[in-house]
C-alpha atoms as a PDB file:
ATOM      1  CA  MET A   1     124.855 101.997 112.695  1.00  0.00           C
ATOM      2  CA  LEU A   2     122.691  99.815 110.456  1.00  0.00           C
ATOM      3  CA  LYS A   3     119.962  97.843 112.166  1.00  0.00           C
ATOM      4  CA  SER A   4     118.109  95.422 109.908  1.00  0.00           C
ATOM      5  CA  GLU A   5     115.007  95.585 112.073  1.00  0.00           C
ATOM      6  CA  THR A   6     114.561  99.294 111.243  1.00  0.00           C
ATOM      7  CA  ILE A   7     114.139  98.625 107.517  1.00  0.00           C
ATOM      8  CA  GLN A   8     110.503  99.028 106.521  1.00  0.00           C
ATOM      9  CA  ILE A   9     109.059  96.863 103.751  1.00  0.00           C
ATOM     10  CA  ASP A  10     105.984  97.924 101.802  1.00  0.00           C
ATOM     11  CA  SER A  11     104.122  96.317  98.924  1.00  0.00           C
ATOM     12  CA  VAL A  12     102.547  98.915  96.654  1.00  0.00           C
ATOM     13  CA  LYS A  13      99.896  98.138  94.048  1.00  0.00           C
ATOM     14  CA  LEU A  14     100.047 100.450  91.041  1.00  0.00           C
ATOM     15  CA  ALA A  15      97.062 101.619  88.983  1.00  0.00           C
ATOM     16  CA  SER A  16      98.323  99.399  86.163  1.00  0.00           C
ATOM     17  CA  GLY A  17      97.934  96.358  88.415  1.00  0.00           C
ATOM     18  CA  ASP A  18     101.680  95.857  88.809  1.00  0.00           C
ATOM     19  CA  ARG A  19     103.186  95.653  92.290  1.00  0.00           C
ATOM     20  CA  LEU A  20     106.279  97.309  93.733  1.00  0.00           C
ATOM     21  CA  LEU A  21     108.290  96.186  96.703  1.00  0.00           C
ATOM     22  CA  ARG A  22     109.675  99.213  98.579  1.00  0.00           C
ATOM     23  CA  LEU A  23     112.333  99.047 101.284  1.00  0.00           C
ATOM     24  CA  THR A  24     112.997 102.171 103.369  1.00  0.00           C
ATOM     25  CA  GLU A  25     115.489 102.880 106.134  1.00  0.00           C
ATOM     26  CA  PRO A  26     113.890 105.748 108.093  1.00  0.00           C
ATOM     27  CA  LEU A  27     117.017 107.064 109.840  1.00  0.00           C
ATOM     28  CA  SER A  28     118.929 107.696 106.620  1.00  0.00           C
ATOM     29  CA  GLY A  29     115.919 108.212 104.366  1.00  0.00           C
ATOM     30  CA  CYS A  30     117.302 105.725 101.856  1.00  0.00           C
ATOM     31  CA  ALA A  31     114.803 103.717  99.847  1.00  0.00           C
ATOM     32  CA  LEU A  32     114.872 101.036  97.177  1.00  0.00           C
ATOM     33  CA  GLU A  33     111.982  99.965  94.969  1.00  0.00           C
ATOM     34  CA  LYS A  34     111.637  97.070  92.577  1.00  0.00           C
ATOM     35  CA  LYS A  35     108.771  95.981  90.369  1.00  0.00           C
ATOM     36  CA  LEU A  36     107.768  92.458  91.353  1.00  0.00           C
ATOM     37  CA  GLU A  37     107.911  89.726  88.746  1.00  0.00           C
ATOM     38  CA  ALA A  38     104.742  87.625  88.651  1.00  0.00           C
ATOM     39  CA  ALA A  39     106.637  84.434  87.749  1.00  0.00           C
ATOM     40  CA  VAL A  40     108.960  84.598  90.782  1.00  0.00           C
ATOM     41  CA  PRO A  41     107.720  83.978  94.357  1.00  0.00           C
ATOM     42  CA  VAL A  42     107.350  87.246  96.297  1.00  0.00           C
ATOM     43  CA  LEU A  43     109.281  85.915  99.304  1.00  0.00           C
ATOM     44  CA  GLN A  44     112.276  85.098  97.118  1.00  0.00           C
ATOM     45  CA  GLN A  45     112.233  88.598  95.588  1.00  0.00           C
ATOM     46  CA  LYS A  46     111.800  90.200  99.006  1.00  0.00           C
ATOM     47  CA  GLU A  47     114.780  88.356 100.488  1.00  0.00           C
ATOM     48  CA  GLN A  48     116.995  89.200  97.503  1.00  0.00           C
ATOM     49  CA  LEU A  49     116.062  92.883  97.587  1.00  0.00           C
ATOM     50  CA  PHE A  50     116.534  92.996 101.371  1.00  0.00           C
ATOM     51  CA  ARG A  51     120.084  91.590 101.079  1.00  0.00           C
ATOM     52  CA  MET A  52     120.922  94.092  98.324  1.00  0.00           C
ATOM     53  CA  PHE A  53     119.546  96.984 100.374  1.00  0.00           C
ATOM     54  CA  GLU A  54     121.466  95.978 103.502  1.00  0.00           C
ATOM     55  CA  ALA A  55     124.680  95.707 101.485  1.00  0.00           C
ATOM     56  CA  ALA A  56     124.138  99.144  99.933  1.00  0.00           C
ATOM     57  CA  LEU A  57     123.481 100.704 103.347  1.00  0.00           C
ATOM     58  CA  ARG A  58     126.605  99.082 104.806  1.00  0.00           C
ATOM     59  CA  ALA A  59     128.693 100.361 101.899  1.00  0.00           C
ATOM     60  CA  ALA A  60     127.289 103.870 102.375  1.00  0.00           C
ATOM     61  CA  GLU A  61     128.117 103.743 106.106  1.00  0.00           C
ATOM     62  CA  LYS A  62     131.637 102.587 105.342  1.00  0.00           C
ATOM     63  CA  ASP A  63     132.160 105.404 102.813  1.00  0.00           C
ATOM     64  CA  ALA A  64     130.819 107.973 105.291  1.00  0.00           C
ATOM     65  CA  ALA A  65     133.202 106.834 108.039  1.00  0.00           C
END
């Protein structure tokens, strides 16, 4: 069962100076990464990626059932 509070969110700074936003669900091992866009607020990108990740996890659970 998907629990949103178990999703871990990490911000990773690359050697090039770019940043990645990484979401990981530890029980399933699923992860999603996206390079952050400097022109778009980080919070907005984080919320969008979080919704996409939750939807993908729900779809995977549904297919597995």
